[in-house]
Amino acid sequence: MRRRKKSENSGFNVWRSYSDMMAGVLLLFVLIMCVTLFQAQKSYDESIKERDEKIALQEEYTLEILAQQSALEEKEGQLKNQDEQLKSQDEKLEEQKLLLAELAAQLKSQEQTLNEQQTALDEKTALLKDQQAQIDQIIGVKAEVVESLKKEFSNNNVNVDIDSQTGALTLDANVMFDYDEAELTDEGKAALQAVLPIYCKVLLEDKHLPYLAEIIIDGYTDTDGDYSYNLELSQRRSLAVAQYLLDIQYEFLNDSQIDSLENYLTVNGHSMANPILDADGNVDKDASRRVEVKFRLKDDEMIDELNKIMTNAEEAAQSSDTAGESGGE
């Protein structure tokens, strides 16, 4: 009985031990599982954390990439605008090149024109210098004639009204003629006897004769009366003076000078033209009734023509200078 109990106790103990062992194993397994689960959870949490960090980092990288892409797109837009601007500038440069080429052609044409104008101007300048020399010579001759006339009248103590520029000699018609008459008075003849020989001898001197074109006697009346009547009166008075000169020319001229006088003598009547005015601007009738003895050199007309040519040449030179300045700009 006791052995049976003992045997039963032993079996029980064995199962108890086995149970305890299995409980221990189970507990160990549970512990292992807990540790494993804990580690797995920990690993999982770390993985989740690492994943979140990676996701955050990836998002950060994505944002940076998007920002960089946006910056690149902006730069691409800027580069595109710059390319368009450069293209526009290139087109403008081409237009400017074409314009410069046209301007260069125009400048070349203008330069050629200016050279031609300069050549023509140089030729005209040379011609004008020669003509100016002729004018100076003519003016010098005229001044010399006028000075010789003044000197001769002074040497002969004859007081006359002679123009310092033209050499015109003015004779008072009131002295030489009665009112409304064309016949010389004795006083008039005496006045002419004193002045005409001196005047004509100076003009007919050998040094002056080559330049002489005319010896002119002009008659003038006052402004009273009819123009036609005064024209006839002035002509008859100037003719009376010329006739008296021809009557007395043998007294002071040689045969050659007489021929020259008859070739150069001209008589004119001007009626009431060119009246003499007083200081107040009114017609001085006494002074207007006059006879003028004057001379004209052969080249007086040439002087006037040369003066016109010189004026035109100066205007042409100014025009050339203006054109040159415009072309330089």
C-alpha atoms as a PDB file:
ATOM      1  CA  MET A   1       0.000   0.000   0.000  1.00  0.00           C
ATOM      2  CA  ARG A   2       2.744   2.245   0.935  1.00  0.00           C
ATOM      3  CA  ARG A   3       4.657   1.310  -2.217  1.00  0.00           C
ATOM      4  CA  ARG A   4       1.655   2.115  -4.267  1.00  0.00           C
ATOM      5  CA  LYS A   5       1.385   5.494  -2.680  1.00  0.00           C
ATOM      6  CA  LYS A   6       5.017   6.030  -3.147  1.00  0.00           C
ATOM      7  CA  SER A   7       4.751   5.024  -6.720  1.00  0.00           C
ATOM      8  CA  GLU A   8       1.789   7.284  -7.171  1.00  0.00           C
ATOM      9  CA  ASN A   9       3.638  10.110  -5.474  1.00  0.00           C
ATOM     10  CA  SER A  10       6.617   9.534  -7.687  1.00  0.00           C
ATOM     11  CA  GLY A  11       4.476   9.668 -10.787  1.00  0.00           C
ATOM     12  CA  PHE A  12       2.786  12.677  -9.532  1.00  0.00           C
ATOM     13  CA  ASN A  13       6.034  14.358  -8.780  1.00  0.00           C
ATOM     14  CA  VAL A  14       7.268  13.521 -12.214  1.00  0.00           C
ATOM     15  CA  TRP A  15       4.276  15.098 -13.830  1.00  0.00           C
ATOM     16  CA  ARG A  16       4.546  17.924 -11.428  1.00  0.00           C
ATOM     17  CA  SER A  17       8.119  18.405 -12.331  1.00  0.00           C
ATOM     18  CA  TYR A  18       7.271  18.086 -15.996  1.00  0.00           C
ATOM     19  CA  SER A  19       4.464  20.530 -15.511  1.00  0.00           C
ATOM     20  CA  ASP A  20       6.702  22.903 -13.707  1.00  0.00           C
ATOM     21  CA  MET A  21       9.293  22.462 -16.383  1.00  0.00           C
ATOM     22  CA  MET A  22       6.744  23.043 -19.077  1.00  0.00           C
ATOM     23  CA  ALA A  23       5.420  25.994 -17.160  1.00  0.00           C
ATOM     24  CA  GLY A  24       8.953  27.293 -16.958  1.00  0.00           C
ATOM     25  CA  VAL A  25       9.509  26.617 -20.582  1.00  0.00           C
ATOM     26  CA  LEU A  26       6.240  28.304 -21.338  1.00  0.00           C
ATOM     27  CA  LEU A  27       7.177  31.189 -19.123  1.00  0.00           C
ATOM     28  CA  LEU A  28      10.547  31.322 -20.800  1.00  0.00           C
ATOM     29  CA  PHE A  29       8.846  31.195 -24.155  1.00  0.00           C
ATOM     30  CA  VAL A  30       6.491  33.942 -23.045  1.00  0.00           C
ATOM     31  CA  LEU A  31       9.452  35.928 -21.801  1.00  0.00           C
ATOM     32  CA  ILE A  32      11.286  35.280 -25.020  1.00  0.00           C
ATOM     33  CA  MET A  33       8.198  36.231 -26.955  1.00  0.00           C
ATOM     34  CA  CYS A  34       7.795  39.337 -24.831  1.00  0.00           C
ATOM     35  CA  VAL A  35      11.414  40.262 -25.320  1.00  0.00           C
ATOM     36  CA  THR A  36      11.110  39.456 -28.979  1.00  0.00           C
ATOM     37  CA  LEU A  37       7.924  41.462 -29.284  1.00  0.00           C
ATOM     38  CA  PHE A  38       9.500  44.281 -27.316  1.00  0.00           C
ATOM     39  CA  GLN A  39      12.532  44.262 -29.522  1.00  0.00           C
ATOM     40  CA  ALA A  40      10.298  43.925 -32.553  1.00  0.00           C
ATOM     41  CA  GLN A  41       8.177  46.800 -31.331  1.00  0.00           C
ATOM     42  CA  LYS A  42      11.298  48.758 -30.598  1.00  0.00           C
ATOM     43  CA  SER A  43      12.689  47.883 -33.990  1.00  0.00           C
ATOM     44  CA  TYR A  44       9.341  48.698 -35.518  1.00  0.00           C
ATOM     45  CA  ASP A  45       9.204  52.058 -33.707  1.00  0.00           C
ATOM     46  CA  GLU A  46      12.750  52.756 -34.736  1.00  0.00           C
ATOM     47  CA  SER A  47      11.872  51.718 -38.268  1.00  0.00           C
ATOM     48  CA  ILE A  48       8.782  53.911 -38.165  1.00  0.00           C
ATOM     49  CA  LYS A  49      10.866  56.748 -36.762  1.00  0.00           C
ATOM     50  CA  GLU A  50      13.571  56.149 -39.314  1.00  0.00           C
ATOM     51  CA  ARG A  51      10.900  55.920 -41.991  1.00  0.00           C
ATOM     52  CA  ASP A  52       9.327  59.188 -40.794  1.00  0.00           C
ATOM     53  CA  GLU A  53      12.742  60.817 -40.715  1.00  0.00           C
ATOM     54  CA  LYS A  54      13.447  59.527 -44.164  1.00  0.00           C
ATOM     55  CA  ILE A  55      10.017  60.687 -45.327  1.00  0.00           C
ATOM     56  CA  ALA A  56      10.628  64.117 -43.723  1.00  0.00           C
ATOM     57  CA  LEU A  57      14.082  64.214 -45.245  1.00  0.00           C
ATOM     58  CA  GLN A  58      12.624  63.124 -48.554  1.00  0.00           C
ATOM     59  CA  GLU A  59       9.965  65.802 -48.317  1.00  0.00           C
ATOM     60  CA  GLU A  60      12.677  68.312 -47.466  1.00  0.00           C
ATOM     61  CA  TYR A  61      14.718  67.104 -50.425  1.00  0.00           C
ATOM     62  CA  THR A  62      11.556  67.238 -52.538  1.00  0.00           C
ATOM     63  CA  LEU A  63      10.907  70.820 -51.461  1.00  0.00           C
ATOM     64  CA  GLU A  64      14.514  71.723 -52.175  1.00  0.00           C
ATOM     65  CA  ILE A  65      14.285  70.008 -55.549  1.00  0.00           C
ATOM     66  CA  LEU A  66      11.004  71.797 -56.276  1.00  0.00           C
ATOM     67  CA  ALA A  67      12.582  75.118 -55.205  1.00  0.00           C
ATOM     68  CA  GLN A  68      15.611  74.394 -57.349  1.00  0.00           C
ATOM     69  CA  GLN A  69      13.342  73.393 -60.224  1.00  0.00           C
ATOM     70  CA  SER A  70      11.353  76.583 -59.753  1.00  0.00           C
ATOM     71  CA  ALA A  71      14.603  78.582 -59.667  1.00  0.00           C
ATOM     72  CA  LEU A  72      15.754  76.754 -62.791  1.00  0.00           C
ATOM     73  CA  GLU A  73      12.490  77.450 -64.522  1.00  0.00           C
ATOM     74  CA  GLU A  74      12.783  81.108 -63.507  1.00  0.00           C
ATOM     75  CA  LYS A  75      16.335  81.215 -64.795  1.00  0.00           C
ATOM     76  CA  GLU A  76      15.214  79.476 -67.970  1.00  0.00           C
ATOM     77  CA  GLY A  77      12.527  82.169 -68.338  1.00  0.00           C
ATOM     78  CA  GLN A  78      15.148  84.858 -67.743  1.00  0.00           C
ATOM     79  CA  LEU A  79      17.495  83.207 -70.226  1.00  0.00           C
ATOM     80  CA  LYS A  80      14.658  82.994 -72.710  1.00  0.00           C
ATOM     81  CA  ASN A  81      13.907  86.686 -72.212  1.00  0.00           C
ATOM     82  CA  GLN A  82      17.594  87.451 -72.547  1.00  0.00           C
ATOM     83  CA  ASP A  83      17.739  85.384 -75.718  1.00  0.00           C
ATOM     84  CA  GLU A  84      14.776  87.316 -77.085  1.00  0.00           C
ATOM     85  CA  GLN A  85      16.392  90.589 -76.058  1.00  0.00           C
ATOM     86  CA  LEU A  86      19.664  89.515 -77.647  1.00  0.00           C
ATOM     87  CA  LYS A  87      17.788  88.520 -80.769  1.00  0.00           C
ATOM     88  CA  SER A  88      16.039  91.894 -80.795  1.00  0.00           C
ATOM     89  CA  GLN A  89      19.378  93.645 -80.215  1.00  0.00           C
ATOM     90  CA  ASP A  90      20.945  91.627 -83.019  1.00  0.00           C
ATOM     91  CA  GLU A  91      18.131  92.745 -85.307  1.00  0.00           C
ATOM     92  CA  LYS A  92      18.642  96.350 -84.201  1.00  0.00           C
ATOM     93  CA  LEU A  93      22.392  95.988 -84.754  1.00  0.00           C
ATOM     94  CA  GLU A  94      21.736  94.706 -88.255  1.00  0.00           C
ATOM     95  CA  GLU A  95      19.427  97.650 -88.899  1.00  0.00           C
ATOM     96  CA  GLN A  96      22.063 100.022 -87.526  1.00  0.00           C
ATOM     97  CA  LYS A  97      24.699  98.377 -89.691  1.00  0.00           C
ATOM     98  CA  LEU A  98      22.508  98.906 -92.733  1.00  0.00           C
ATOM     99  CA  LEU A  99      21.842 102.493 -91.652  1.00  0.00           C
ATOM    100  CA  LEU A 100      25.553 103.096 -91.080  1.00  0.00           C
ATOM    101  CA  ALA A 101      26.286 101.640 -94.483  1.00  0.00           C
ATOM    102  CA  GLU A 102      23.742 104.005 -96.045  1.00  0.00           C
ATOM    103  CA  LEU A 103      25.176 106.935 -94.078  1.00  0.00           C
ATOM    104  CA  ALA A 104      28.675 105.963 -95.130  1.00  0.00           C
ATOM    105  CA  ALA A 105      27.527 105.926 -98.745  1.00  0.00           C
ATOM    106  CA  GLN A 106      25.857 109.299 -98.276  1.00  0.00           C
ATOM    107  CA  LEU A 107      28.974 110.695 -96.600  1.00  0.00           C
ATOM    108  CA  LYS A 108      31.097 109.410 -99.437  1.00  0.00           C
ATOM    109  CA  SER A 109      28.750 111.025-101.941  1.00  0.00           C
ATOM    110  CA  GLN A 110      28.722 114.253 -99.929  1.00  0.00           C
ATOM    111  CA  GLU A 111      32.501 114.149 -99.642  1.00  0.00           C
ATOM    112  CA  GLN A 112      32.774 113.772-103.396  1.00  0.00           C
ATOM    113  CA  THR A 113      30.312 116.626-103.863  1.00  0.00           C
ATOM    114  CA  LEU A 114      32.209 118.780-101.375  1.00  0.00           C
ATOM    115  CA  ASN A 115      35.478 117.999-103.119  1.00  0.00           C
ATOM    116  CA  GLU A 116      33.930 119.023-106.431  1.00  0.00           C
ATOM    117  CA  GLN A 117      32.500 122.165-104.822  1.00  0.00           C
ATOM    118  CA  GLN A 118      35.859 122.886-103.191  1.00  0.00           C
ATOM    119  CA  THR A 119      37.598 122.494-106.541  1.00  0.00           C
ATOM    120  CA  ALA A 120      35.076 124.823-108.158  1.00  0.00           C
ATOM    121  CA  LEU A 121      35.402 127.216-105.228  1.00  0.00           C
ATOM    122  CA  ASP A 122      39.188 127.181-105.505  1.00  0.00           C
ATOM    123  CA  GLU A 123      38.893 127.990-109.188  1.00  0.00           C
ATOM    124  CA  LYS A 124      36.446 130.786-108.434  1.00  0.00           C
ATOM    125  CA  THR A 125      38.676 132.030-105.627  1.00  0.00           C
ATOM    126  CA  ALA A 126      41.638 132.185-107.981  1.00  0.00           C
ATOM    127  CA  LEU A 127      39.476 133.974-110.543  1.00  0.00           C
ATOM    128  CA  LEU A 128      38.165 136.353-107.911  1.00  0.00           C
ATOM    129  CA  LYS A 129      41.677 137.129-106.729  1.00  0.00           C
ATOM    130  CA  ASP A 130      42.596 138.042-110.270  1.00  0.00           C
ATOM    131  CA  GLN A 131      39.410 140.058-110.650  1.00  0.00           C
ATOM    132  CA  GLN A 132      39.952 141.679-107.277  1.00  0.00           C
ATOM    133  CA  ALA A 133      43.396 142.725-108.438  1.00  0.00           C
ATOM    134  CA  GLN A 134      41.772 144.254-111.516  1.00  0.00           C
ATOM    135  CA  ILE A 135      39.173 145.996-109.351  1.00  0.00           C
ATOM    136  CA  ASP A 136      41.888 147.329-107.059  1.00  0.00           C
ATOM    137  CA  GLN A 137      43.746 148.611-110.099  1.00  0.00           C
ATOM    138  CA  ILE A 138      40.586 150.236-111.506  1.00  0.00           C
ATOM    139  CA  ILE A 139      39.672 151.748-108.159  1.00  0.00           C
ATOM    140  CA  GLY A 140      43.225 152.954-107.850  1.00  0.00           C
ATOM    141  CA  VAL A 141      43.034 154.574-111.291  1.00  0.00           C
ATOM    142  CA  LYS A 142      39.744 156.289-110.456  1.00  0.00           C
ATOM    143  CA  ALA A 143      41.095 157.536-107.145  1.00  0.00           C
ATOM    144  CA  GLU A 144      44.200 158.747-108.957  1.00  0.00           C
ATOM    145  CA  VAL A 145      42.086 160.606-111.545  1.00  0.00           C
ATOM    146  CA  VAL A 146      39.983 162.277-108.848  1.00  0.00           C
ATOM    147  CA  GLU A 147      43.109 163.248-106.927  1.00  0.00           C
ATOM    148  CA  SER A 148      44.697 164.654-110.094  1.00  0.00           C
ATOM    149  CA  LEU A 149      41.558 166.729-110.778  1.00  0.00           C
ATOM    150  CA  LYS A 150      41.556 168.170-107.263  1.00  0.00           C
ATOM    151  CA  LYS A 151      45.255 168.905-107.472  1.00  0.00           C
ATOM    152  CA  GLU A 152      44.980 170.696-110.838  1.00  0.00           C
ATOM    153  CA  PHE A 153      42.032 172.815-109.707  1.00  0.00           C
ATOM    154  CA  SER A 154      43.920 173.701-106.539  1.00  0.00           C
ATOM    155  CA  ASN A 155      47.099 174.583-108.452  1.00  0.00           C
ATOM    156  CA  ASN A 156      45.040 176.908-110.671  1.00  0.00           C
ATOM    157  CA  ASN A 157      43.228 178.452-107.657  1.00  0.00           C
ATOM    158  CA  VAL A 158      39.855 177.346-109.030  1.00  0.00           C
ATOM    159  CA  ASN A 159      37.225 176.616-106.410  1.00  0.00           C
ATOM    160  CA  VAL A 160      34.856 173.894-107.673  1.00  0.00           C
ATOM    161  CA  ASP A 161      32.275 171.463-106.282  1.00  0.00           C
ATOM    162  CA  ILE A 162      33.826 168.073-107.175  1.00  0.00           C
ATOM    163  CA  ASP A 163      32.749 164.760-105.701  1.00  0.00           C
ATOM    164  CA  SER A 164      35.592 163.002-103.873  1.00  0.00           C
ATOM    165  CA  GLN A 165      34.331 159.529-104.807  1.00  0.00           C
ATOM    166  CA  THR A 166      33.108 159.859-108.386  1.00  0.00           C
ATOM    167  CA  GLY A 167      34.965 162.946-109.577  1.00  0.00           C
ATOM    168  CA  ALA A 168      31.694 164.511-110.763  1.00  0.00           C
ATOM    169  CA  LEU A 169      31.865 168.310-111.237  1.00  0.00           C
ATOM    170  CA  THR A 170      28.633 170.190-110.409  1.00  0.00           C
ATOM    171  CA  LEU A 171      27.940 173.507-112.144  1.00  0.00           C
ATOM    172  CA  ASP A 172      25.189 175.872-110.977  1.00  0.00           C
ATOM    173  CA  ALA A 173      22.656 176.271-113.796  1.00  0.00           C
ATOM    174  CA  ASN A 174      21.448 179.495-112.204  1.00  0.00           C
ATOM    175  CA  VAL A 175      24.870 181.002-112.974  1.00  0.00           C
ATOM    176  CA  MET A 176      25.219 179.610-116.489  1.00  0.00           C
ATOM    177  CA  PHE A 177      21.641 180.199-117.733  1.00  0.00           C
ATOM    178  CA  ASP A 178      18.845 182.647-117.246  1.00  0.00           C
ATOM    179  CA  TYR A 179      15.643 181.193-115.788  1.00  0.00           C
ATOM    180  CA  ASP A 180      13.897 178.848-118.233  1.00  0.00           C
ATOM    181  CA  GLU A 181      16.618 179.458-120.862  1.00  0.00           C
ATOM    182  CA  ALA A 182      19.234 177.181-122.467  1.00  0.00           C
ATOM    183  CA  GLU A 183      21.634 179.844-123.840  1.00  0.00           C
ATOM    184  CA  LEU A 184      24.866 180.302-121.885  1.00  0.00           C
ATOM    185  CA  THR A 185      25.312 183.622-120.143  1.00  0.00           C
ATOM    186  CA  ASP A 186      28.607 185.465-120.242  1.00  0.00           C
ATOM    187  CA  GLU A 187      29.074 184.530-116.578  1.00  0.00           C
ATOM    188  CA  GLY A 188      28.365 180.927-117.472  1.00  0.00           C
ATOM    189  CA  LYS A 189      30.869 180.934-120.293  1.00  0.00           C
ATOM    190  CA  ALA A 190      33.481 182.395-117.979  1.00  0.00           C
ATOM    191  CA  ALA A 191      32.783 179.647-115.410  1.00  0.00           C
ATOM    192  CA  LEU A 192      33.085 176.975-118.074  1.00  0.00           C
ATOM    193  CA  GLN A 193      36.276 178.559-119.448  1.00  0.00           C
ATOM    194  CA  ALA A 194      37.785 178.207-115.963  1.00  0.00           C
ATOM    195  CA  VAL A 195      36.881 174.590-115.261  1.00  0.00           C
ATOM    196  CA  LEU A 196      36.354 172.610-118.490  1.00  0.00           C
ATOM    197  CA  PRO A 197      39.935 172.853-119.849  1.00  0.00           C
ATOM    198  CA  ILE A 198      41.396 171.620-116.539  1.00  0.00           C
ATOM    199  CA  TYR A 199      38.866 168.814-116.223  1.00  0.00           C
ATOM    200  CA  CYS A 200      39.284 167.531-119.780  1.00  0.00           C
ATOM    201  CA  LYS A 201      43.086 167.838-119.880  1.00  0.00           C
ATOM    202  CA  VAL A 202      43.423 165.648-116.780  1.00  0.00           C
ATOM    203  CA  LEU A 203      41.085 162.989-118.193  1.00  0.00           C
ATOM    204  CA  LEU A 204      42.799 162.986-121.587  1.00  0.00           C
ATOM    205  CA  GLU A 205      46.319 162.564-120.198  1.00  0.00           C
ATOM    206  CA  ASP A 206      48.174 159.583-121.634  1.00  0.00           C
ATOM    207  CA  LYS A 207      48.214 157.733-118.274  1.00  0.00           C
ATOM    208  CA  HIS A 208      44.420 158.077-117.857  1.00  0.00           C
ATOM    209  CA  LEU A 209      43.249 157.773-121.442  1.00  0.00           C
ATOM    210  CA  PRO A 210      43.533 153.942-121.701  1.00  0.00           C
ATOM    211  CA  TYR A 211      40.974 153.596-118.880  1.00  0.00           C
ATOM    212  CA  LEU A 212      38.571 156.318-120.045  1.00  0.00           C
ATOM    213  CA  ALA A 213      35.174 155.261-121.422  1.00  0.00           C
ATOM    214  CA  GLU A 214      33.129 158.489-121.411  1.00  0.00           C
ATOM    215  CA  ILE A 215      33.160 162.159-120.544  1.00  0.00           C
ATOM    216  CA  ILE A 216      29.555 162.888-119.637  1.00  0.00           C
ATOM    217  CA  ILE A 217      27.626 166.138-119.430  1.00  0.00           C
ATOM    218  CA  ASP A 218      24.272 165.748-117.637  1.00  0.00           C
ATOM    219  CA  GLY A 219      21.615 168.447-117.415  1.00  0.00           C
ATOM    220  CA  TYR A 220      18.968 168.651-114.629  1.00  0.00           C
ATOM    221  CA  THR A 221      16.031 170.992-113.924  1.00  0.00           C
ATOM    222  CA  ASP A 222      13.959 171.647-110.814  1.00  0.00           C
ATOM    223  CA  THR A 223      10.627 169.917-110.194  1.00  0.00           C
ATOM    224  CA  ASP A 224       8.435 172.758-111.464  1.00  0.00           C
ATOM    225  CA  GLY A 225       6.549 172.339-114.712  1.00  0.00           C
ATOM    226  CA  ASP A 226       6.005 169.517-117.156  1.00  0.00           C
ATOM    227  CA  TYR A 227       8.409 166.564-117.322  1.00  0.00           C
ATOM    228  CA  SER A 228       8.651 166.595-121.111  1.00  0.00           C
ATOM    229  CA  TYR A 229       9.332 170.316-121.216  1.00  0.00           C
ATOM    230  CA  ASN A 230      11.987 170.012-118.520  1.00  0.00           C
ATOM    231  CA  LEU A 231      13.514 167.050-120.346  1.00  0.00           C
ATOM    232  CA  GLU A 232      13.974 169.135-123.462  1.00  0.00           C
ATOM    233  CA  LEU A 233      15.280 172.081-121.404  1.00  0.00           C
ATOM    234  CA  SER A 234      17.813 169.907-119.572  1.00  0.00           C
ATOM    235  CA  GLN A 235      18.975 168.386-122.856  1.00  0.00           C
ATOM    236  CA  ARG A 236      19.420 171.786-124.498  1.00  0.00           C
ATOM    237  CA  ARG A 237      21.374 173.079-121.487  1.00  0.00           C
ATOM    238  CA  SER A 238      23.723 170.083-121.391  1.00  0.00           C
ATOM    239  CA  LEU A 239      24.126 170.372-125.177  1.00  0.00           C
ATOM    240  CA  ALA A 240      24.970 174.077-124.803  1.00  0.00           C
ATOM    241  CA  VAL A 241      27.753 173.221-122.347  1.00  0.00           C
ATOM    242  CA  ALA A 242      29.063 170.479-124.647  1.00  0.00           C
ATOM    243  CA  GLN A 243      28.981 172.810-127.657  1.00  0.00           C
ATOM    244  CA  TYR A 244      30.914 175.466-125.757  1.00  0.00           C
ATOM    245  CA  LEU A 245      33.482 172.843-124.780  1.00  0.00           C
ATOM    246  CA  LEU A 246      33.876 171.853-128.436  1.00  0.00           C
ATOM    247  CA  ASP A 247      34.229 175.535-129.389  1.00  0.00           C
ATOM    248  CA  ILE A 248      37.131 176.121-127.007  1.00  0.00           C
ATOM    249  CA  GLN A 249      38.844 172.705-127.158  1.00  0.00           C
ATOM    250  CA  TYR A 250      41.418 174.006-129.692  1.00  0.00           C
ATOM    251  CA  GLU A 251      42.708 176.399-127.059  1.00  0.00           C
ATOM    252  CA  PHE A 252      43.981 173.690-124.634  1.00  0.00           C
ATOM    253  CA  LEU A 253      43.972 170.331-126.483  1.00  0.00           C
ATOM    254  CA  ASN A 254      46.205 168.935-129.193  1.00  0.00           C
ATOM    255  CA  ASP A 255      44.800 167.218-132.285  1.00  0.00           C
ATOM    256  CA  SER A 256      45.000 163.727-130.766  1.00  0.00           C
ATOM    257  CA  GLN A 257      43.224 164.883-127.596  1.00  0.00           C
ATOM    258  CA  ILE A 258      40.552 166.633-129.662  1.00  0.00           C
ATOM    259  CA  ASP A 259      39.805 163.384-131.496  1.00  0.00           C
ATOM    260  CA  SER A 260      39.631 161.556-128.152  1.00  0.00           C
ATOM    261  CA  LEU A 261      37.295 164.168-126.656  1.00  0.00           C
ATOM    262  CA  GLU A 262      34.892 163.907-129.577  1.00  0.00           C
ATOM    263  CA  ASN A 263      34.936 160.093-129.274  1.00  0.00           C
ATOM    264  CA  TYR A 264      34.267 160.085-125.519  1.00  0.00           C
ATOM    265  CA  LEU A 265      31.919 163.042-125.076  1.00  0.00           C
ATOM    266  CA  THR A 266      28.317 162.148-124.169  1.00  0.00           C
ATOM    267  CA  VAL A 267      25.415 164.547-123.508  1.00  0.00           C
ATOM    268  CA  ASN A 268      22.283 163.688-121.507  1.00  0.00           C
ATOM    269  CA  GLY A 269      19.195 165.469-120.219  1.00  0.00           C
ATOM    270  CA  HIS A 270      17.462 164.131-117.098  1.00  0.00           C
ATOM    271  CA  SER A 271      14.575 166.579-116.705  1.00  0.00           C
ATOM    272  CA  MET A 272      13.516 166.841-113.043  1.00  0.00           C
ATOM    273  CA  ALA A 273      15.046 163.485-112.037  1.00  0.00           C
ATOM    274  CA  ASN A 274      17.348 163.185-109.013  1.00  0.00           C
ATOM    275  CA  PRO A 275      16.449 166.506-107.362  1.00  0.00           C
ATOM    276  CA  ILE A 276      18.679 167.879-104.607  1.00  0.00           C
ATOM    277  CA  LEU A 277      17.079 167.851-101.142  1.00  0.00           C
ATOM    278  CA  ASP A 278      17.763 170.275 -98.312  1.00  0.00           C
ATOM    279  CA  ALA A 279      18.435 169.314 -94.700  1.00  0.00           C
ATOM    280  CA  ASP A 280      14.689 169.001 -94.054  1.00  0.00           C
ATOM    281  CA  GLY A 281      14.178 166.597 -96.963  1.00  0.00           C
ATOM    282  CA  ASN A 282      12.486 169.189 -99.194  1.00  0.00           C
ATOM    283  CA  VAL A 283      13.473 169.812-102.815  1.00  0.00           C
ATOM    284  CA  ASP A 284      16.097 172.539-103.129  1.00  0.00           C
ATOM    285  CA  LYS A 285      15.030 173.960-106.473  1.00  0.00           C
ATOM    286  CA  ASP A 286      18.055 176.228-106.932  1.00  0.00           C
ATOM    287  CA  ALA A 287      20.482 173.370-106.264  1.00  0.00           C
ATOM    288  CA  SER A 288      18.438 170.995-108.440  1.00  0.00           C
ATOM    289  CA  ARG A 289      18.941 173.269-111.490  1.00  0.00           C
ATOM    290  CA  ARG A 290      22.432 172.100-112.361  1.00  0.00           C
ATOM    291  CA  VAL A 291      24.792 170.679-114.958  1.00  0.00           C
ATOM    292  CA  GLU A 292      27.147 167.887-113.980  1.00  0.00           C
ATOM    293  CA  VAL A 293      30.373 167.037-115.795  1.00  0.00           C
ATOM    294  CA  LYS A 294      31.600 163.551-114.935  1.00  0.00           C
ATOM    295  CA  PHE A 295      33.571 160.657-116.348  1.00  0.00           C
ATOM    296  CA  ARG A 296      33.220 156.884-116.551  1.00  0.00           C
ATOM    297  CA  LEU A 297      36.090 154.450-116.788  1.00  0.00           C
ATOM    298  CA  LYS A 298      35.933 151.530-119.188  1.00  0.00           C
ATOM    299  CA  ASP A 299      35.711 149.024-116.410  1.00  0.00           C
ATOM    300  CA  ASP A 300      33.133 150.686-114.159  1.00  0.00           C
ATOM    301  CA  GLU A 301      30.533 148.186-115.357  1.00  0.00           C
ATOM    302  CA  MET A 302      33.022 145.393-114.829  1.00  0.00           C
ATOM    303  CA  ILE A 303      33.489 146.518-111.238  1.00  0.00           C
ATOM    304  CA  ASP A 304      29.760 146.237-110.659  1.00  0.00           C
ATOM    305  CA  GLU A 305      29.685 142.816-112.324  1.00  0.00           C
ATOM    306  CA  LEU A 306      32.702 141.623-110.355  1.00  0.00           C
ATOM    307  CA  ASN A 307      31.140 142.798-107.130  1.00  0.00           C
ATOM    308  CA  LYS A 308      28.064 140.696-107.966  1.00  0.00           C
ATOM    309  CA  ILE A 309      30.278 137.706-108.764  1.00  0.00           C
ATOM    310  CA  MET A 310      32.147 138.117-105.481  1.00  0.00           C
ATOM    311  CA  THR A 311      28.890 138.344-103.565  1.00  0.00           C
ATOM    312  CA  ASN A 312      27.601 135.186-105.246  1.00  0.00           C
ATOM    313  CA  ALA A 313      30.894 133.415-104.565  1.00  0.00           C
ATOM    314  CA  GLU A 314      30.774 134.330-100.882  1.00  0.00           C
ATOM    315  CA  GLU A 315      27.209 133.004-100.668  1.00  0.00           C
ATOM    316  CA  ALA A 316      28.300 129.806-102.423  1.00  0.00           C
ATOM    317  CA  ALA A 317      31.208 129.431 -99.975  1.00  0.00           C
ATOM    318  CA  GLN A 318      28.878 129.876 -97.025  1.00  0.00           C
ATOM    319  CA  SER A 319      26.517 127.289 -98.509  1.00  0.00           C
ATOM    320  CA  SER A 320      29.431 124.865 -98.924  1.00  0.00           C
ATOM    321  CA  ASP A 321      30.501 125.393 -95.297  1.00  0.00           C
ATOM    322  CA  THR A 322      26.941 124.761 -94.125  1.00  0.00           C
ATOM    323  CA  ALA A 323      26.689 121.587 -96.210  1.00  0.00           C
ATOM    324  CA  GLY A 324      30.025 120.403 -94.789  1.00  0.00           C
ATOM    325  CA  GLU A 325      28.905 120.898 -91.215  1.00  0.00           C
ATOM    326  CA  SER A 326      25.626 119.057 -91.866  1.00  0.00           C
ATOM    327  CA  GLY A 327      27.505 116.158 -93.410  1.00  0.00           C
ATOM    328  CA  GLY A 328      29.848 116.038 -90.356  1.00  0.00           C
ATOM    329  CA  GLU A 329      26.973 115.626 -87.978  1.00  0.00           C
END
